[in-house]
Amino acid sequence: MIYEILSVVGEIPEGCAATYGQIARLIGRDKNARLVGKVLSMAEFYGSYPCHRVVNHAGRLVPGWREQEFLLRQEGVPFKDKDHVDLKQCRWDC
């Protein structure tokens, strides 16, 4: 399951964002958004994945991970405010 999650995250295109719940649904585990977050928090041990493109259902960034905002802004992801991406404009249409 870890590699299923990471494989989906690896498919998120530059300039887009996905939610934990969206990834959970894509791997057939609708109720496991928190599990997706847990796996992504340890993703560095499995390789290089664009985990910065994953946000919560409201578009909120990971608290305390300031680099996430920087990386998303570099890709041109639109923001509603400093801590939320604008999912209406950048949600990954998978």
PDB file of N, CA and C in Angstrom:
ATOM      1  N   MET A   1       0.809  -1.193   0.000  1.00  0.00           N
ATOM      2  CA  MET A   1       0.000   0.000   0.000  1.00  0.00           C
ATOM      3  C   MET A   1       0.859   1.266   0.000  1.00  0.00           C
ATOM      4  N   ILE A   2       1.995   1.222   0.652  1.00  0.00           N
ATOM      5  CA  ILE A   2       2.878   2.390   0.688  1.00  0.00           C
ATOM      6  C   ILE A   2       3.242   2.808  -0.722  1.00  0.00           C
ATOM      7  N   TYR A   3       3.632   1.837  -1.526  1.00  0.00           N
ATOM      8  CA  TYR A   3       4.051   2.181  -2.880  1.00  0.00           C
ATOM      9  C   TYR A   3       2.871   2.552  -3.777  1.00  0.00           C
ATOM     10  N   GLU A   4       1.682   2.082  -3.464  1.00  0.00           N
ATOM     11  CA  GLU A   4       0.493   2.530  -4.201  1.00  0.00           C
ATOM     12  C   GLU A   4       0.287   4.027  -3.972  1.00  0.00           C
ATOM     13  N   ILE A   5       0.379   4.433  -2.728  1.00  0.00           N
ATOM     14  CA  ILE A   5       0.214   5.852  -2.376  1.00  0.00           C
ATOM     15  C   ILE A   5       1.290   6.684  -3.052  1.00  0.00           C
ATOM     16  N   LEU A   6       2.539   6.252  -2.917  1.00  0.00           N
ATOM     17  CA  LEU A   6       3.644   7.024  -3.487  1.00  0.00           C
ATOM     18  C   LEU A   6       3.581   7.064  -5.009  1.00  0.00           C
ATOM     19  N   SER A   7       3.096   5.998  -5.609  1.00  0.00           N
ATOM     20  CA  SER A   7       2.951   5.974  -7.063  1.00  0.00           C
ATOM     21  C   SER A   7       1.939   7.018  -7.523  1.00  0.00           C
ATOM     22  N   VAL A   8       0.813   7.123  -6.819  1.00  0.00           N
ATOM     23  CA  VAL A   8      -0.194   8.128  -7.164  1.00  0.00           C
ATOM     24  C   VAL A   8       0.375   9.526  -6.969  1.00  0.00           C
ATOM     25  N   VAL A   9       1.063   9.755  -5.868  1.00  0.00           N
ATOM     26  CA  VAL A   9       1.654  11.070  -5.603  1.00  0.00           C
ATOM     27  C   VAL A   9       2.647  11.426  -6.710  1.00  0.00           C
ATOM     28  N   GLY A  10       3.384  10.460  -7.177  1.00  0.00           N
ATOM     29  CA  GLY A  10       4.349  10.698  -8.251  1.00  0.00           C
ATOM     30  C   GLY A  10       3.704  11.131  -9.556  1.00  0.00           C
ATOM     31  N   GLU A  11       2.411  10.878  -9.712  1.00  0.00           N
ATOM     32  CA  GLU A  11       1.693  11.243 -10.937  1.00  0.00           C
ATOM     33  C   GLU A  11       1.093  12.645 -10.897  1.00  0.00           C
ATOM     34  N   ILE A  12       1.089  13.293  -9.734  1.00  0.00           N
ATOM     35  CA  ILE A  12       0.490  14.629  -9.637  1.00  0.00           C
ATOM     36  C   ILE A  12       1.329  15.592 -10.474  1.00  0.00           C
ATOM     37  N   PRO A  13       0.730  16.236 -11.457  1.00  0.00           N
ATOM     38  CA  PRO A  13       1.517  17.119 -12.324  1.00  0.00           C
ATOM     39  C   PRO A  13       1.971  18.405 -11.625  1.00  0.00           C
ATOM     40  N   GLU A  14       3.052  18.940 -12.104  1.00  0.00           N
ATOM     41  CA  GLU A  14       3.557  20.223 -11.601  1.00  0.00           C
ATOM     42  C   GLU A  14       2.471  21.276 -11.772  1.00  0.00           C
ATOM     43  N   GLY A  15       2.312  22.129 -10.765  1.00  0.00           N
ATOM     44  CA  GLY A  15       1.317  23.186 -10.816  1.00  0.00           C
ATOM     45  C   GLY A  15      -0.055  22.774 -10.318  1.00  0.00           C
ATOM     46  N   CYS A  16      -0.191  21.518  -9.895  1.00  0.00           N
ATOM     47  CA  CYS A  16      -1.463  21.008  -9.378  1.00  0.00           C
ATOM     48  C   CYS A  16      -1.294  20.562  -7.932  1.00  0.00           C
ATOM     49  N   ALA A  17      -2.419  20.412  -7.249  1.00  0.00           N
ATOM     50  CA  ALA A  17      -2.418  19.897  -5.884  1.00  0.00           C
ATOM     51  C   ALA A  17      -3.512  18.848  -5.765  1.00  0.00           C
ATOM     52  N   ALA A  18      -3.272  17.864  -4.916  1.00  0.00           N
ATOM     53  CA  ALA A  18      -4.252  16.823  -4.624  1.00  0.00           C
ATOM     54  C   ALA A  18      -4.481  16.801  -3.123  1.00  0.00           C
ATOM     55  N   THR A  19      -5.569  16.194  -2.702  1.00  0.00           N
ATOM     56  CA  THR A  19      -5.852  16.086  -1.273  1.00  0.00           C
ATOM     57  C   THR A  19      -5.553  14.663  -0.799  1.00  0.00           C
ATOM     58  N   TYR A  20      -5.379  14.530   0.510  1.00  0.00           N
ATOM     59  CA  TYR A  20      -5.148  13.207   1.092  1.00  0.00           C
ATOM     60  C   TYR A  20      -6.309  12.279   0.764  1.00  0.00           C
ATOM     61  N   GLY A  21      -7.533  12.779   0.878  1.00  0.00           N
ATOM     62  CA  GLY A  21      -8.709  11.980   0.579  1.00  0.00           C
ATOM     63  C   GLY A  21      -8.782  11.553  -0.879  1.00  0.00           C
ATOM     64  N   GLN A  22      -8.386  12.437  -1.756  1.00  0.00           N
ATOM     65  CA  GLN A  22      -8.379  12.140  -3.183  1.00  0.00           C
ATOM     66  C   GLN A  22      -7.434  10.972  -3.467  1.00  0.00           C
ATOM     67  N   ILE A  23      -6.265  10.989  -2.836  1.00  0.00           N
ATOM     68  CA  ILE A  23      -5.292   9.912  -3.038  1.00  0.00           C
ATOM     69  C   ILE A  23      -5.831   8.611  -2.446  1.00  0.00           C
ATOM     70  N   ALA A  24      -6.448   8.698  -1.268  1.00  0.00           N
ATOM     71  CA  ALA A  24      -7.034   7.506  -0.647  1.00  0.00           C
ATOM     72  C   ALA A  24      -8.085   6.880  -1.573  1.00  0.00           C
ATOM     73  N   ARG A  25      -8.926   7.699  -2.174  1.00  0.00           N
ATOM     74  CA  ARG A  25      -9.950   7.184  -3.104  1.00  0.00           C
ATOM     75  C   ARG A  25      -9.305   6.529  -4.325  1.00  0.00           C
ATOM     76  N   LEU A  26      -8.239   7.112  -4.828  1.00  0.00           N
ATOM     77  CA  LEU A  26      -7.581   6.576  -6.020  1.00  0.00           C
ATOM     78  C   LEU A  26      -6.958   5.202  -5.789  1.00  0.00           C
ATOM     79  N   ILE A  27      -6.587   4.903  -4.544  1.00  0.00           N
ATOM     80  CA  ILE A  27      -6.019   3.579  -4.269  1.00  0.00           C
ATOM     81  C   ILE A  27      -7.081   2.625  -3.713  1.00  0.00           C
ATOM     82  N   GLY A  28      -8.347   3.064  -3.720  1.00  0.00           N
ATOM     83  CA  GLY A  28      -9.436   2.198  -3.285  1.00  0.00           C
ATOM     84  C   GLY A  28      -9.612   2.105  -1.781  1.00  0.00           C
ATOM     85  N   ARG A  29      -9.129   3.112  -1.041  1.00  0.00           N
ATOM     86  CA  ARG A  29      -9.242   3.112   0.418  1.00  0.00           C
ATOM     87  C   ARG A  29      -9.858   4.430   0.856  1.00  0.00           C
ATOM     88  N   ASP A  30     -11.109   4.628   0.478  1.00  0.00           N
ATOM     89  CA  ASP A  30     -11.819   5.891   0.665  1.00  0.00           C
ATOM     90  C   ASP A  30     -11.693   6.518   2.049  1.00  0.00           C
ATOM     91  N   LYS A  31     -11.670   5.717   3.083  1.00  0.00           N
ATOM     92  CA  LYS A  31     -11.696   6.238   4.458  1.00  0.00           C
ATOM     93  C   LYS A  31     -10.302   6.394   5.069  1.00  0.00           C
ATOM     94  N   ASN A  32      -9.253   6.304   4.271  1.00  0.00           N
ATOM     95  CA  ASN A  32      -7.904   6.284   4.816  1.00  0.00           C
ATOM     96  C   ASN A  32      -7.059   7.510   4.482  1.00  0.00           C
ATOM     97  N   ALA A  33      -7.662   8.696   4.505  1.00  0.00           N
ATOM     98  CA  ALA A  33      -6.904   9.918   4.220  1.00  0.00           C
ATOM     99  C   ALA A  33      -5.783  10.117   5.235  1.00  0.00           C
ATOM    100  N   ARG A  34      -6.027   9.791   6.498  1.00  0.00           N
ATOM    101  CA  ARG A  34      -4.977   9.951   7.521  1.00  0.00           C
ATOM    102  C   ARG A  34      -3.812   9.001   7.273  1.00  0.00           C
ATOM    103  N   LEU A  35      -4.105   7.817   6.793  1.00  0.00           N
ATOM    104  CA  LEU A  35      -3.049   6.874   6.458  1.00  0.00           C
ATOM    105  C   LEU A  35      -2.167   7.442   5.347  1.00  0.00           C
ATOM    106  N   VAL A  36      -2.787   8.076   4.366  1.00  0.00           N
ATOM    107  CA  VAL A  36      -2.026   8.719   3.287  1.00  0.00           C
ATOM    108  C   VAL A  36      -1.082   9.757   3.876  1.00  0.00           C
ATOM    109  N   GLY A  37      -1.583  10.580   4.793  1.00  0.00           N
ATOM    110  CA  GLY A  37      -0.738  11.580   5.433  1.00  0.00           C
ATOM    111  C   GLY A  37       0.420  10.966   6.183  1.00  0.00           C
ATOM    112  N   LYS A  38       0.166   9.870   6.876  1.00  0.00           N
ATOM    113  CA  LYS A  38       1.229   9.180   7.627  1.00  0.00           C
ATOM    114  C   LYS A  38       2.297   8.648   6.690  1.00  0.00           C
ATOM    115  N   VAL A  39       1.871   8.021   5.606  1.00  0.00           N
ATOM    116  CA  VAL A  39       2.831   7.496   4.628  1.00  0.00           C
ATOM    117  C   VAL A  39       3.655   8.637   4.034  1.00  0.00           C
ATOM    118  N   LEU A  40       3.005   9.738   3.689  1.00  0.00           N
ATOM    119  CA  LEU A  40       3.732  10.853   3.086  1.00  0.00           C
ATOM    120  C   LEU A  40       4.713  11.491   4.069  1.00  0.00           C
ATOM    121  N   SER A  41       4.416  11.433   5.355  1.00  0.00           N
ATOM    122  CA  SER A  41       5.333  12.006   6.342  1.00  0.00           C
ATOM    123  C   SER A  41       6.635  11.218   6.412  1.00  0.00           C
ATOM    124  N   MET A  42       6.625   9.988   5.896  1.00  0.00           N
ATOM    125  CA  MET A  42       7.828   9.148   5.896  1.00  0.00           C
ATOM    126  C   MET A  42       8.345   8.875   4.483  1.00  0.00           C
ATOM    127  N   ALA A  43       7.831   9.579   3.512  1.00  0.00           N
ATOM    128  CA  ALA A  43       8.158   9.305   2.108  1.00  0.00           C
ATOM    129  C   ALA A  43       9.642   9.465   1.791  1.00  0.00           C
ATOM    130  N   GLU A  44      10.329  10.302   2.519  1.00  0.00           N
ATOM    131  CA  GLU A  44      11.753  10.523   2.246  1.00  0.00           C
ATOM    132  C   GLU A  44      12.559   9.231   2.374  1.00  0.00           C
ATOM    133  N   PHE A  45      12.056   8.261   3.115  1.00  0.00           N
ATOM    134  CA  PHE A  45      12.757   6.995   3.289  1.00  0.00           C
ATOM    135  C   PHE A  45      12.577   6.066   2.095  1.00  0.00           C
ATOM    136  N   TYR A  46      11.668   6.399   1.198  1.00  0.00           N
ATOM    137  CA  TYR A  46      11.355   5.543   0.059  1.00  0.00           C
ATOM    138  C   TYR A  46      11.801   6.117  -1.275  1.00  0.00           C
ATOM    139  N   GLY A  47      12.302   7.321  -1.294  1.00  0.00           N
ATOM    140  CA  GLY A  47      12.725   7.931  -2.541  1.00  0.00           C
ATOM    141  C   GLY A  47      12.290   9.380  -2.614  1.00  0.00           C
ATOM    142  N   SER A  48      12.290   9.903  -3.814  1.00  0.00           N
ATOM    143  CA  SER A  48      11.952  11.309  -4.024  1.00  0.00           C
ATOM    144  C   SER A  48      10.572  11.401  -4.685  1.00  0.00           C
ATOM    145  N   TYR A  49       9.619  11.970  -3.959  1.00  0.00           N
ATOM    146  CA  TYR A  49       8.254  12.110  -4.451  1.00  0.00           C
ATOM    147  C   TYR A  49       7.781  13.548  -4.223  1.00  0.00           C
ATOM    148  N   PRO A  50       6.893  14.056  -5.076  1.00  0.00           N
ATOM    149  CA  PRO A  50       6.416  15.442  -4.928  1.00  0.00           C
ATOM    150  C   PRO A  50       5.330  15.569  -3.858  1.00  0.00           C
ATOM    151  N   CYS A  51       5.667  15.205  -2.633  1.00  0.00           N
ATOM    152  CA  CYS A  51       4.699  15.226  -1.531  1.00  0.00           C
ATOM    153  C   CYS A  51       4.201  16.635  -1.224  1.00  0.00           C
ATOM    154  N   HIS A  52       4.967  17.641  -1.642  1.00  0.00           N
ATOM    155  CA  HIS A  52       4.545  19.023  -1.393  1.00  0.00           C
ATOM    156  C   HIS A  52       3.262  19.361  -2.145  1.00  0.00           C
ATOM    157  N   ARG A  53       2.874  18.548  -3.104  1.00  0.00           N
ATOM    158  CA  ARG A  53       1.665  18.801  -3.892  1.00  0.00           C
ATOM    159  C   ARG A  53       0.400  18.239  -3.234  1.00  0.00           C
ATOM    160  N   VAL A  54       0.527  17.708  -2.025  1.00  0.00           N
ATOM    161  CA  VAL A  54      -0.615  17.121  -1.328  1.00  0.00           C
ATOM    162  C   VAL A  54      -0.983  18.009  -0.138  1.00  0.00           C
ATOM    163  N   VAL A  55      -2.264  18.362  -0.066  1.00  0.00           N
ATOM    164  CA  VAL A  55      -2.788  19.245   0.976  1.00  0.00           C
ATOM    165  C   VAL A  55      -4.050  18.619   1.574  1.00  0.00           C
ATOM    166  N   ASN A  56      -4.592  19.225   2.622  1.00  0.00           N
ATOM    167  CA  ASN A  56      -5.815  18.657   3.190  1.00  0.00           C
ATOM    168  C   ASN A  56      -7.029  19.067   2.353  1.00  0.00           C
ATOM    169  N   HIS A  57      -8.208  18.627   2.753  1.00  0.00           N
ATOM    170  CA  HIS A  57      -9.425  18.843   1.960  1.00  0.00           C
ATOM    171  C   HIS A  57      -9.775  20.313   1.764  1.00  0.00           C
ATOM    172  N   ALA A  58      -9.274  21.179   2.644  1.00  0.00           N
ATOM    173  CA  ALA A  58      -9.541  22.619   2.537  1.00  0.00           C
ATOM    174  C   ALA A  58      -8.408  23.355   1.821  1.00  0.00           C
ATOM    175  N   GLY A  59      -7.388  22.620   1.395  1.00  0.00           N
ATOM    176  CA  GLY A  59      -6.254  23.254   0.721  1.00  0.00           C
ATOM    177  C   GLY A  59      -5.167  23.716   1.671  1.00  0.00           C
ATOM    178  N   ARG A  60      -5.291  23.358   2.960  1.00  0.00           N
ATOM    179  CA  ARG A  60      -4.316  23.818   3.955  1.00  0.00           C
ATOM    180  C   ARG A  60      -2.996  23.074   3.806  1.00  0.00           C
ATOM    181  N   LEU A  61      -1.923  23.834   3.925  1.00  0.00           N
ATOM    182  CA  LEU A  61      -0.583  23.260   3.870  1.00  0.00           C
ATOM    183  C   LEU A  61      -0.279  22.505   5.157  1.00  0.00           C
ATOM    184  N   VAL A  62       0.779  21.711   5.122  1.00  0.00           N
ATOM    185  CA  VAL A  62       1.219  20.974   6.313  1.00  0.00           C
ATOM    186  C   VAL A  62       1.755  21.985   7.324  1.00  0.00           C
ATOM    187  N   PRO A  63       1.197  22.014   8.539  1.00  0.00           N
ATOM    188  CA  PRO A  63       1.688  22.960   9.549  1.00  0.00           C
ATOM    189  C   PRO A  63       3.165  22.716   9.862  1.00  0.00           C
ATOM    190  N   GLY A  64       3.933  23.782   9.877  1.00  0.00           N
ATOM    191  CA  GLY A  64       5.346  23.686  10.220  1.00  0.00           C
ATOM    192  C   GLY A  64       6.274  23.349   9.066  1.00  0.00           C
ATOM    193  N   TRP A  65       5.738  23.055   7.889  1.00  0.00           N
ATOM    194  CA  TRP A  65       6.587  22.731   6.737  1.00  0.00           C
ATOM    195  C   TRP A  65       6.567  23.921   5.775  1.00  0.00           C
ATOM    196  N   ARG A  66       7.364  24.934   6.078  1.00  0.00           N
ATOM    197  CA  ARG A  66       7.369  26.172   5.301  1.00  0.00           C
ATOM    198  C   ARG A  66       7.887  25.968   3.883  1.00  0.00           C
ATOM    199  N   GLU A  67       8.717  24.980   3.681  1.00  0.00           N
ATOM    200  CA  GLU A  67       9.239  24.712   2.343  1.00  0.00           C
ATOM    201  C   GLU A  67       8.123  24.333   1.366  1.00  0.00           C
ATOM    202  N   GLN A  68       7.040  23.764   1.879  1.00  0.00           N
ATOM    203  CA  GLN A  68       5.932  23.364   1.018  1.00  0.00           C
ATOM    204  C   GLN A  68       5.367  24.566   0.271  1.00  0.00           C
ATOM    205  N   GLU A  69       5.156  25.660   0.975  1.00  0.00           N
ATOM    206  CA  GLU A  69       4.635  26.870   0.327  1.00  0.00           C
ATOM    207  C   GLU A  69       5.596  27.338  -0.763  1.00  0.00           C
ATOM    208  N   PHE A  70       6.873  27.375  -0.442  1.00  0.00           N
ATOM    209  CA  PHE A  70       7.884  27.818  -1.400  1.00  0.00           C
ATOM    210  C   PHE A  70       7.850  26.955  -2.667  1.00  0.00           C
ATOM    211  N   LEU A  71       7.838  25.631  -2.497  1.00  0.00           N
ATOM    212  CA  LEU A  71       7.843  24.728  -3.646  1.00  0.00           C
ATOM    213  C   LEU A  71       6.592  24.884  -4.502  1.00  0.00           C
ATOM    214  N   LEU A  72       5.436  25.010  -3.861  1.00  0.00           N
ATOM    215  CA  LEU A  72       4.192  25.179  -4.616  1.00  0.00           C
ATOM    216  C   LEU A  72       4.164  26.512  -5.359  1.00  0.00           C
ATOM    217  N   ARG A  73       4.616  27.561  -4.713  1.00  0.00           N
ATOM    218  CA  ARG A  73       4.652  28.867  -5.387  1.00  0.00           C
ATOM    219  C   ARG A  73       5.604  28.844  -6.580  1.00  0.00           C
ATOM    220  N   GLN A  74       6.716  28.142  -6.456  1.00  0.00           N
ATOM    221  CA  GLN A  74       7.650  28.017  -7.588  1.00  0.00           C
ATOM    222  C   GLN A  74       6.994  27.349  -8.786  1.00  0.00           C
ATOM    223  N   GLU A  75       6.048  26.454  -8.522  1.00  0.00           N
ATOM    224  CA  GLU A  75       5.350  25.749  -9.596  1.00  0.00           C
ATOM    225  C   GLU A  75       4.150  26.531 -10.125  1.00  0.00           C
ATOM    226  N   GLY A  76       3.868  27.679  -9.524  1.00  0.00           N
ATOM    227  CA  GLY A  76       2.763  28.499  -9.988  1.00  0.00           C
ATOM    228  C   GLY A  76       1.406  28.128  -9.423  1.00  0.00           C
ATOM    229  N   VAL A  77       1.387  27.374  -8.334  1.00  0.00           N
ATOM    230  CA  VAL A  77       0.118  26.994  -7.706  1.00  0.00           C
ATOM    231  C   VAL A  77      -0.502  28.234  -7.067  1.00  0.00           C
ATOM    232  N   PRO A  78      -1.774  28.534  -7.368  1.00  0.00           N
ATOM    233  CA  PRO A  78      -2.434  29.713  -6.782  1.00  0.00           C
ATOM    234  C   PRO A  78      -2.818  29.473  -5.321  1.00  0.00           C
ATOM    235  N   PHE A  79      -2.726  30.525  -4.520  1.00  0.00           N
ATOM    236  CA  PHE A  79      -3.050  30.467  -3.096  1.00  0.00           C
ATOM    237  C   PHE A  79      -4.240  31.358  -2.781  1.00  0.00           C
ATOM    238  N   LYS A  80      -5.061  30.933  -1.804  1.00  0.00           N
ATOM    239  CA  LYS A  80      -6.139  31.778  -1.277  1.00  0.00           C
ATOM    240  C   LYS A  80      -5.574  32.700  -0.208  1.00  0.00           C
ATOM    241  N   ASP A  81      -4.662  32.183   0.590  1.00  0.00           N
ATOM    242  CA  ASP A  81      -3.951  32.950   1.609  1.00  0.00           C
ATOM    243  C   ASP A  81      -2.626  32.233   1.862  1.00  0.00           C
ATOM    244  N   LYS A  82      -1.891  32.668   2.843  1.00  0.00           N
ATOM    245  CA  LYS A  82      -0.546  32.120   3.062  1.00  0.00           C
ATOM    246  C   LYS A  82      -0.539  30.622   3.367  1.00  0.00           C
ATOM    247  N   ASP A  83      -1.617  30.105   3.937  1.00  0.00           N
ATOM    248  CA  ASP A  83      -1.632  28.712   4.366  1.00  0.00           C
ATOM    249  C   ASP A  83      -2.556  27.797   3.563  1.00  0.00           C
ATOM    250  N   HIS A  84      -3.221  28.322   2.530  1.00  0.00           N
ATOM    251  CA  HIS A  84      -4.183  27.523   1.767  1.00  0.00           C
ATOM    252  C   HIS A  84      -4.000  27.720   0.263  1.00  0.00           C
ATOM    253  N   VAL A  85      -3.874  26.606  -0.460  1.00  0.00           N
ATOM    254  CA  VAL A  85      -3.882  26.696  -1.917  1.00  0.00           C
ATOM    255  C   VAL A  85      -5.325  26.853  -2.371  1.00  0.00           C
ATOM    256  N   ASP A  86      -5.506  27.373  -3.551  1.00  0.00           N
ATOM    257  CA  ASP A  86      -6.845  27.542  -4.117  1.00  0.00           C
ATOM    258  C   ASP A  86      -7.184  26.282  -4.915  1.00  0.00           C
ATOM    259  N   LEU A  87      -7.822  25.335  -4.257  1.00  0.00           N
ATOM    260  CA  LEU A  87      -8.124  24.055  -4.901  1.00  0.00           C
ATOM    261  C   LEU A  87      -9.076  24.199  -6.080  1.00  0.00           C
ATOM    262  N   LYS A  88      -9.896  25.243  -6.094  1.00  0.00           N
ATOM    263  CA  LYS A  88     -10.797  25.442  -7.233  1.00  0.00           C
ATOM    264  C   LYS A  88     -10.010  25.670  -8.523  1.00  0.00           C
ATOM    265  N   GLN A  89      -8.822  26.234  -8.390  1.00  0.00           N
ATOM    266  CA  GLN A  89      -8.011  26.543  -9.572  1.00  0.00           C
ATOM    267  C   GLN A  89      -6.930  25.510  -9.856  1.00  0.00           C
ATOM    268  N   CYS A  90      -6.509  24.755  -8.835  1.00  0.00           N
ATOM    269  CA  CYS A  90      -5.336  23.895  -9.056  1.00  0.00           C
ATOM    270  C   CYS A  90      -5.540  22.436  -8.701  1.00  0.00           C
ATOM    271  N   ARG A  91      -6.765  22.030  -8.359  1.00  0.00           N
ATOM    272  CA  ARG A  91      -6.972  20.613  -7.983  1.00  0.00           C
ATOM    273  C   ARG A  91      -6.627  19.709  -9.163  1.00  0.00           C
ATOM    274  N   TRP A  92      -5.898  18.665  -8.870  1.00  0.00           N
ATOM    275  CA  TRP A  92      -5.517  17.685  -9.873  1.00  0.00           C
ATOM    276  C   TRP A  92      -6.758  16.972 -10.367  1.00  0.00           C
ATOM    277  N   ASP A  93      -7.005  17.031 -11.656  1.00  0.00           N
ATOM    278  CA  ASP A  93      -8.169  16.388 -12.272  1.00  0.00           C
ATOM    279  C   ASP A  93      -7.730  15.027 -12.791  1.00  0.00           C
ATOM    280  N   CYS A  94      -7.789  14.045 -11.914  1.00  0.00           N
ATOM    281  CA  CYS A  94      -7.293  12.704 -12.284  1.00  0.00           C
ATOM    282  C   CYS A  94      -8.427  11.763 -12.644  1.00  0.00           C
TER     283      CYS A  94
END
